């Protein structure tokens, strides 16, 4: 993050330079790495969280027990 910005103030430094972003759709991990043949860094995106299943459990009400 750029020094002096809110992102820079709240971001945590990591050993490998990754940045984890929480979104309503899940967590996205990003990383900027130097490219050997390019003057600007390469940005990598990794999708880390997504729904893999949805389930419903139907539980019968037992007679004589509150619902």
N, C-alpha and C. Protein backbone atom coordinates (compact mmCIF):
# COMPACT_ATOMS: atom_id res chain seq x y z
N UNK A 1 0.84 -1.19 0.00
CA UNK A 1 0.00 0.00 0.00
C UNK A 1 0.88 1.25 0.00
N UNK A 2 0.35 2.30 -0.52
CA UNK A 2 1.08 3.55 -0.62
C UNK A 2 1.19 4.22 0.75
N UNK A 3 2.40 4.58 1.18
CA UNK A 3 2.56 5.25 2.48
C UNK A 3 1.68 6.50 2.56
N UNK A 4 1.08 6.71 3.75
CA UNK A 4 0.22 7.86 3.97
C UNK A 4 -1.25 7.59 3.69
N UNK A 5 -1.57 6.41 3.12
CA UNK A 5 -2.97 6.09 2.84
C UNK A 5 -3.57 5.26 3.98
N UNK A 6 -4.89 5.21 4.02
CA UNK A 6 -5.57 4.39 5.02
C UNK A 6 -5.19 2.92 4.87
N UNK A 7 -5.11 2.45 3.63
CA UNK A 7 -4.73 1.05 3.39
C UNK A 7 -3.35 0.75 3.98
N UNK A 8 -2.42 1.67 3.83
CA UNK A 8 -1.08 1.48 4.38
C UNK A 8 -1.11 1.44 5.90
N UNK A 9 -1.97 2.27 6.49
CA UNK A 9 -2.05 2.34 7.95
C UNK A 9 -2.63 1.06 8.56
N UNK A 10 -3.61 0.44 7.90
CA UNK A 10 -4.27 -0.74 8.49
C UNK A 10 -3.73 -2.07 7.97
N UNK A 11 -2.96 -2.06 6.89
CA UNK A 11 -2.44 -3.31 6.32
C UNK A 11 -1.35 -3.89 7.21
N UNK A 12 -1.29 -5.22 7.25
CA UNK A 12 -0.23 -5.91 7.99
C UNK A 12 0.86 -6.34 7.02
N UNK A 13 2.09 -6.21 7.45
CA UNK A 13 3.24 -6.64 6.63
C UNK A 13 3.35 -8.16 6.71
N UNK A 14 3.51 -8.83 5.56
CA UNK A 14 3.70 -10.27 5.53
C UNK A 14 5.06 -10.59 4.93
N UNK A 15 5.59 -11.74 5.27
CA UNK A 15 6.92 -12.13 4.79
C UNK A 15 6.96 -12.30 3.27
N UNK A 16 5.85 -12.79 2.68
CA UNK A 16 5.86 -13.05 1.24
C UNK A 16 5.15 -11.95 0.43
N UNK A 17 4.72 -10.87 1.09
CA UNK A 17 4.11 -9.75 0.37
C UNK A 17 2.67 -9.96 -0.03
N UNK A 18 1.98 -10.95 0.54
CA UNK A 18 0.59 -11.18 0.18
C UNK A 18 -0.33 -10.22 0.91
N UNK A 19 -1.47 -9.96 0.31
CA UNK A 19 -2.51 -9.13 0.89
C UNK A 19 -3.82 -9.89 0.77
N UNK A 20 -4.50 -10.14 1.90
CA UNK A 20 -5.78 -10.85 1.90
C UNK A 20 -6.91 -9.83 1.99
N UNK A 21 -7.85 -9.91 1.03
CA UNK A 21 -8.98 -8.99 0.97
C UNK A 21 -10.26 -9.76 1.25
N UNK A 22 -11.02 -9.34 2.27
CA UNK A 22 -12.30 -9.98 2.56
C UNK A 22 -13.40 -9.33 1.75
N UNK A 23 -14.16 -10.12 1.01
CA UNK A 23 -15.28 -9.62 0.21
C UNK A 23 -16.52 -10.43 0.57
N UNK A 24 -17.72 -9.97 0.20
CA UNK A 24 -18.92 -10.77 0.45
C UNK A 24 -18.87 -12.14 -0.21
N UNK A 25 -18.12 -12.28 -1.29
CA UNK A 25 -18.01 -13.56 -1.98
C UNK A 25 -16.92 -14.45 -1.42
N UNK A 26 -16.13 -13.96 -0.49
CA UNK A 26 -15.05 -14.76 0.09
C UNK A 26 -13.77 -13.96 0.22
N UNK A 27 -12.70 -14.65 0.49
CA UNK A 27 -11.39 -14.01 0.67
C UNK A 27 -10.59 -14.13 -0.61
N UNK A 28 -10.01 -13.02 -1.03
CA UNK A 28 -9.13 -13.01 -2.20
C UNK A 28 -7.73 -12.69 -1.72
N UNK A 29 -6.76 -13.51 -2.10
CA UNK A 29 -5.37 -13.28 -1.75
C UNK A 29 -4.65 -12.71 -2.97
N UNK A 30 -3.98 -11.58 -2.79
CA UNK A 30 -3.23 -10.96 -3.88
C UNK A 30 -1.76 -10.89 -3.51
N UNK A 31 -0.93 -10.79 -4.52
CA UNK A 31 0.51 -10.72 -4.29
C UNK A 31 1.15 -9.97 -5.46
N UNK A 32 2.01 -9.02 -5.18
CA UNK A 32 2.76 -8.31 -6.21
C UNK A 32 4.20 -8.78 -6.14
N UNK A 33 4.71 -9.28 -7.26
CA UNK A 33 6.08 -9.80 -7.29
C UNK A 33 6.85 -9.12 -8.42
N UNK A 34 8.15 -8.89 -8.23
CA UNK A 34 8.95 -8.29 -9.31
C UNK A 34 9.05 -9.24 -10.50
N UNK A 35 8.85 -8.72 -11.68
CA UNK A 35 9.00 -9.50 -12.90
C UNK A 35 10.41 -9.26 -13.44
N UNK A 36 11.18 -10.32 -13.72
CA UNK A 36 12.58 -10.14 -14.13
C UNK A 36 12.78 -9.33 -15.41
N UNK A 37 11.85 -9.43 -16.37
CA UNK A 37 12.02 -8.74 -17.65
C UNK A 37 11.13 -7.52 -17.80
N UNK A 38 10.56 -7.03 -16.70
CA UNK A 38 9.60 -5.93 -16.79
C UNK A 38 9.90 -4.89 -15.71
N UNK A 39 9.67 -3.63 -16.02
CA UNK A 39 9.94 -2.56 -15.06
C UNK A 39 8.89 -2.49 -13.95
N UNK A 40 7.68 -2.98 -14.22
CA UNK A 40 6.62 -2.92 -13.21
C UNK A 40 6.36 -4.32 -12.62
N UNK A 41 5.83 -4.37 -11.40
CA UNK A 41 5.59 -5.68 -10.78
C UNK A 41 4.42 -6.42 -11.43
N UNK A 42 4.41 -7.71 -11.28
CA UNK A 42 3.31 -8.55 -11.74
C UNK A 42 2.37 -8.76 -10.56
N UNK A 43 1.07 -8.66 -10.80
CA UNK A 43 0.09 -8.86 -9.74
C UNK A 43 -0.56 -10.22 -9.91
N UNK A 44 -0.58 -10.99 -8.83
CA UNK A 44 -1.18 -12.32 -8.84
C UNK A 44 -2.44 -12.30 -7.98
N UNK A 45 -3.50 -12.97 -8.42
CA UNK A 45 -4.72 -13.11 -7.63
C UNK A 45 -4.99 -14.59 -7.39
N UNK A 46 -5.32 -14.92 -6.17
CA UNK A 46 -5.64 -16.30 -5.81
C UNK A 46 -7.01 -16.30 -5.16
N UNK A 47 -7.94 -17.07 -5.65
CA UNK A 47 -9.27 -17.17 -5.03
C UNK A 47 -9.18 -18.24 -3.96
N UNK A 48 -9.48 -17.87 -2.69
CA UNK A 48 -9.25 -18.78 -1.58
C UNK A 48 -10.52 -19.28 -0.91
N UNK A 49 -11.63 -18.60 -1.07
CA UNK A 49 -12.84 -19.01 -0.36
C UNK A 49 -14.03 -18.98 -1.31
N UNK A 50 -14.80 -20.05 -1.27
CA UNK A 50 -16.01 -20.13 -2.08
C UNK A 50 -16.93 -21.19 -1.50
N UNK A 51 -18.19 -21.11 -1.79
CA UNK A 51 -19.13 -22.11 -1.31
C UNK A 51 -18.92 -23.40 -2.10
N UNK A 52 -18.76 -24.50 -1.41
CA UNK A 52 -18.58 -25.78 -2.09
C UNK A 52 -19.81 -26.67 -1.97
N UNK A 53 -20.74 -26.33 -1.07
CA UNK A 53 -21.95 -27.13 -0.92
C UNK A 53 -23.01 -26.33 -0.18
N UNK A 54 -24.26 -26.71 -0.41
CA UNK A 54 -25.38 -26.15 0.34
C UNK A 54 -26.21 -27.33 0.80
N UNK A 55 -26.59 -27.31 2.06
CA UNK A 55 -27.35 -28.44 2.59
C UNK A 55 -28.47 -27.94 3.49
N UNK A 56 -29.54 -28.72 3.56
CA UNK A 56 -30.64 -28.45 4.48
C UNK A 56 -30.88 -29.71 5.29
N UNK A 57 -31.16 -29.53 6.56
CA UNK A 57 -31.41 -30.65 7.45
C UNK A 57 -32.82 -30.51 7.99
N UNK A 58 -33.68 -31.49 7.70
CA UNK A 58 -35.05 -31.48 8.18
C UNK A 58 -35.12 -32.34 9.44
N UNK A 59 -35.50 -31.73 10.55
CA UNK A 59 -35.56 -32.44 11.83
C UNK A 59 -37.02 -32.53 12.24
N UNK A 60 -37.55 -33.75 12.40
CA UNK A 60 -38.95 -33.89 12.79
C UNK A 60 -39.18 -33.45 14.23
N UNK A 61 -40.37 -32.90 14.49
CA UNK A 61 -40.74 -32.51 15.85
C UNK A 61 -41.21 -33.77 16.57
N UNK A 62 -40.66 -34.04 17.74
CA UNK A 62 -41.06 -35.21 18.52
C UNK A 62 -42.33 -34.90 19.29
N UNK A 63 -43.25 -35.85 19.32
CA UNK A 63 -44.52 -35.66 20.03
C UNK A 63 -44.27 -35.40 21.50
N UNK A 64 -44.95 -34.38 22.05
CA UNK A 64 -44.79 -34.05 23.45
C UNK A 64 -43.62 -33.12 23.74
N UNK A 65 -42.84 -32.76 22.73
CA UNK A 65 -41.70 -31.86 22.92
C UNK A 65 -42.02 -30.51 22.27
N UNK A 66 -41.57 -29.42 22.86
CA UNK A 66 -41.80 -28.11 22.22
C UNK A 66 -41.01 -28.00 20.91
N UNK A 67 -41.60 -27.30 19.95
CA UNK A 67 -40.95 -27.16 18.64
C UNK A 67 -39.81 -26.18 18.70
